């Protein structure tokens, strides 16, 4: 019984350490949905939290449109937030030029 409790506590601690901070933000998530085609079409992936390298999730240079949720986003053509491209406002969808490799949120709004 004690081993089970210790295992559960260890798992909970690991989850808290690796979960996106938006998970605990009281419903206000820093998330976007990335689409492989313009106008919110094609395959898609909902992503929460800043991403300094979209190749880590298989979306480097793949995004063609974005749906922003609750916070402003900044898009970059290169990894590690280099070569700024454009910003997107909360609750807004828009098409993007091919080549997005990283993005981050304006967390001052959250």
C-alpha atoms as a PDB file:
ATOM      1  CA  UNK A   1       0.000   0.000   0.000  1.00  0.00           C
ATOM      2  CA  UNK A   2       2.773   2.411   0.935  1.00  0.00           C
ATOM      3  CA  UNK A   3       4.672   1.672  -2.317  1.00  0.00           C
ATOM      4  CA  UNK A   4       1.539   2.494  -4.319  1.00  0.00           C
ATOM      5  CA  UNK A   5       1.138   5.808  -2.524  1.00  0.00           C
ATOM      6  CA  UNK A   6       4.781   6.729  -3.044  1.00  0.00           C
ATOM      7  CA  UNK A   7       4.542   5.807  -6.728  1.00  0.00           C
ATOM      8  CA  UNK A   8       1.406   7.929  -7.127  1.00  0.00           C
ATOM      9  CA  UNK A   9       3.082  10.908  -5.426  1.00  0.00           C
ATOM     10  CA  UNK A  10       6.179  10.550  -7.629  1.00  0.00           C
ATOM     11  CA  UNK A  11       4.032  10.424 -10.776  1.00  0.00           C
ATOM     12  CA  UNK A  12       2.099  13.503  -9.635  1.00  0.00           C
ATOM     13  CA  UNK A  13       5.316  15.426  -9.031  1.00  0.00           C
ATOM     14  CA  UNK A  14       6.673  14.492 -12.475  1.00  0.00           C
ATOM     15  CA  UNK A  15       3.386  15.593 -14.103  1.00  0.00           C
ATOM     16  CA  UNK A  16       3.468  18.947 -12.335  1.00  0.00           C
ATOM     17  CA  UNK A  17       7.059  19.535 -13.425  1.00  0.00           C
ATOM     18  CA  UNK A  18       6.532  18.694 -17.108  1.00  0.00           C
ATOM     19  CA  UNK A  19       2.946  19.826 -17.697  1.00  0.00           C
ATOM     20  CA  UNK A  20       2.529  23.120 -19.569  1.00  0.00           C
ATOM     21  CA  UNK A  21       2.012  26.000 -17.150  1.00  0.00           C
ATOM     22  CA  UNK A  22      -1.270  26.759 -18.949  1.00  0.00           C
ATOM     23  CA  UNK A  23      -2.662  23.566 -17.420  1.00  0.00           C
ATOM     24  CA  UNK A  24      -2.746  25.300 -14.050  1.00  0.00           C
ATOM     25  CA  UNK A  25      -3.638  28.810 -15.216  1.00  0.00           C
ATOM     26  CA  UNK A  26      -7.263  28.637 -14.192  1.00  0.00           C
ATOM     27  CA  UNK A  27      -8.708  28.046 -17.654  1.00  0.00           C
ATOM     28  CA  UNK A  28      -6.733  30.712 -19.509  1.00  0.00           C
ATOM     29  CA  UNK A  29      -4.498  28.627 -21.731  1.00  0.00           C
ATOM     30  CA  UNK A  30      -1.703  29.886 -23.951  1.00  0.00           C
ATOM     31  CA  UNK A  31      -2.671  27.673 -26.867  1.00  0.00           C
ATOM     32  CA  UNK A  32      -3.006  27.773 -30.636  1.00  0.00           C
ATOM     33  CA  UNK A  33      -4.208  25.359 -33.268  1.00  0.00           C
ATOM     34  CA  UNK A  34      -1.815  24.932 -36.178  1.00  0.00           C
ATOM     35  CA  UNK A  35      -3.222  23.884 -39.565  1.00  0.00           C
ATOM     36  CA  UNK A  36      -1.352  22.408 -42.521  1.00  0.00           C
ATOM     37  CA  UNK A  37      -3.490  24.293 -45.074  1.00  0.00           C
ATOM     38  CA  UNK A  38      -4.810  27.876 -45.340  1.00  0.00           C
ATOM     39  CA  UNK A  39      -8.144  28.884 -43.828  1.00  0.00           C
ATOM     40  CA  UNK A  40      -8.033  26.385 -40.955  1.00  0.00           C
ATOM     41  CA  UNK A  41      -8.064  23.323 -43.189  1.00  0.00           C
ATOM     42  CA  UNK A  42      -5.961  20.192 -43.472  1.00  0.00           C
ATOM     43  CA  UNK A  43      -4.353  18.323 -40.628  1.00  0.00           C
ATOM     44  CA  UNK A  44      -4.113  20.232 -37.381  1.00  0.00           C
ATOM     45  CA  UNK A  45      -2.481  20.183 -33.974  1.00  0.00           C
ATOM     46  CA  UNK A  46      -3.393  22.099 -30.816  1.00  0.00           C
ATOM     47  CA  UNK A  47      -0.249  23.282 -29.063  1.00  0.00           C
ATOM     48  CA  UNK A  48       0.053  24.943 -25.658  1.00  0.00           C
ATOM     49  CA  UNK A  49       3.040  26.873 -24.405  1.00  0.00           C
ATOM     50  CA  UNK A  50       5.952  28.521 -26.184  1.00  0.00           C
ATOM     51  CA  UNK A  51       7.712  26.412 -28.810  1.00  0.00           C
ATOM     52  CA  UNK A  52      11.289  27.306 -29.700  1.00  0.00           C
ATOM     53  CA  UNK A  53      11.571  24.493 -32.267  1.00  0.00           C
ATOM     54  CA  UNK A  54       8.480  23.206 -34.056  1.00  0.00           C
ATOM     55  CA  UNK A  55      10.464  20.324 -35.561  1.00  0.00           C
ATOM     56  CA  UNK A  56      10.307  18.688 -32.111  1.00  0.00           C
ATOM     57  CA  UNK A  57       6.569  18.167 -32.644  1.00  0.00           C
ATOM     58  CA  UNK A  58       6.736  17.550 -36.401  1.00  0.00           C
ATOM     59  CA  UNK A  59       5.420  20.976 -37.481  1.00  0.00           C
ATOM     60  CA  UNK A  60       8.536  22.842 -38.635  1.00  0.00           C
ATOM     61  CA  UNK A  61       7.689  24.724 -41.860  1.00  0.00           C
ATOM     62  CA  UNK A  62       4.340  22.906 -41.999  1.00  0.00           C
ATOM     63  CA  UNK A  63       1.953  25.561 -40.624  1.00  0.00           C
ATOM     64  CA  UNK A  64      -0.183  27.443 -43.171  1.00  0.00           C
ATOM     65  CA  UNK A  65      -2.868  28.846 -40.861  1.00  0.00           C
ATOM     66  CA  UNK A  66      -3.337  29.423 -37.139  1.00  0.00           C
ATOM     67  CA  UNK A  67      -6.190  29.862 -34.705  1.00  0.00           C
ATOM     68  CA  UNK A  68      -5.078  31.845 -31.631  1.00  0.00           C
ATOM     69  CA  UNK A  69      -6.903  31.295 -28.345  1.00  0.00           C
ATOM     70  CA  UNK A  70      -6.589  33.632 -25.341  1.00  0.00           C
ATOM     71  CA  UNK A  71      -3.325  35.534 -25.778  1.00  0.00           C
ATOM     72  CA  UNK A  72      -1.217  37.318 -28.397  1.00  0.00           C
ATOM     73  CA  UNK A  73       1.266  35.104 -30.255  1.00  0.00           C
ATOM     74  CA  UNK A  74       4.522  35.982 -32.006  1.00  0.00           C
ATOM     75  CA  UNK A  75       5.652  33.835 -34.940  1.00  0.00           C
ATOM     76  CA  UNK A  76       9.221  33.379 -36.142  1.00  0.00           C
ATOM     77  CA  UNK A  77      10.714  31.917 -39.306  1.00  0.00           C
ATOM     78  CA  UNK A  78      13.680  30.419 -37.449  1.00  0.00           C
ATOM     79  CA  UNK A  79      14.115  28.266 -34.358  1.00  0.00           C
ATOM     80  CA  UNK A  80      14.802  29.863 -30.977  1.00  0.00           C
ATOM     81  CA  UNK A  81      12.546  32.877 -31.755  1.00  0.00           C
ATOM     82  CA  UNK A  82      14.774  34.348 -34.450  1.00  0.00           C
ATOM     83  CA  UNK A  83      13.728  36.169 -37.624  1.00  0.00           C
ATOM     84  CA  UNK A  84      10.393  37.607 -36.417  1.00  0.00           C
ATOM     85  CA  UNK A  85       7.551  37.174 -38.889  1.00  0.00           C
ATOM     86  CA  UNK A  86       4.223  38.390 -37.487  1.00  0.00           C
ATOM     87  CA  UNK A  87       2.070  38.624 -34.383  1.00  0.00           C
ATOM     88  CA  UNK A  88      -1.472  37.387 -33.935  1.00  0.00           C
ATOM     89  CA  UNK A  89      -4.159  38.743 -31.638  1.00  0.00           C
ATOM     90  CA  UNK A  90      -6.259  36.704 -29.184  1.00  0.00           C
ATOM     91  CA  UNK A  91      -9.303  34.910 -30.615  1.00  0.00           C
ATOM     92  CA  UNK A  92      -8.124  35.412 -34.184  1.00  0.00           C
ATOM     93  CA  UNK A  93      -7.482  33.052 -37.092  1.00  0.00           C
ATOM     94  CA  UNK A  94      -5.165  33.867 -39.981  1.00  0.00           C
ATOM     95  CA  UNK A  95      -3.087  32.382 -42.775  1.00  0.00           C
ATOM     96  CA  UNK A  96       0.708  32.464 -42.610  1.00  0.00           C
ATOM     97  CA  UNK A  97       3.582  32.260 -45.050  1.00  0.00           C
ATOM     98  CA  UNK A  98       5.361  28.892 -45.206  1.00  0.00           C
ATOM     99  CA  UNK A  99       8.382  28.580 -42.940  1.00  0.00           C
ATOM    100  CA  UNK A 100       7.240  29.083 -39.330  1.00  0.00           C
ATOM    101  CA  UNK A 101       9.757  27.351 -37.037  1.00  0.00           C
ATOM    102  CA  UNK A 102       8.984  28.785 -33.580  1.00  0.00           C
ATOM    103  CA  UNK A 103       6.442  30.851 -31.667  1.00  0.00           C
ATOM    104  CA  UNK A 104       5.922  32.353 -28.250  1.00  0.00           C
ATOM    105  CA  UNK A 105       3.107  34.007 -26.381  1.00  0.00           C
ATOM    106  CA  UNK A 106       2.838  37.419 -24.783  1.00  0.00           C
ATOM    107  CA  UNK A 107       2.467  36.066 -21.269  1.00  0.00           C
ATOM    108  CA  UNK A 108       2.026  39.573 -19.852  1.00  0.00           C
ATOM    109  CA  UNK A 109      -1.621  39.292 -20.955  1.00  0.00           C
ATOM    110  CA  UNK A 110      -2.314  35.971 -19.275  1.00  0.00           C
END
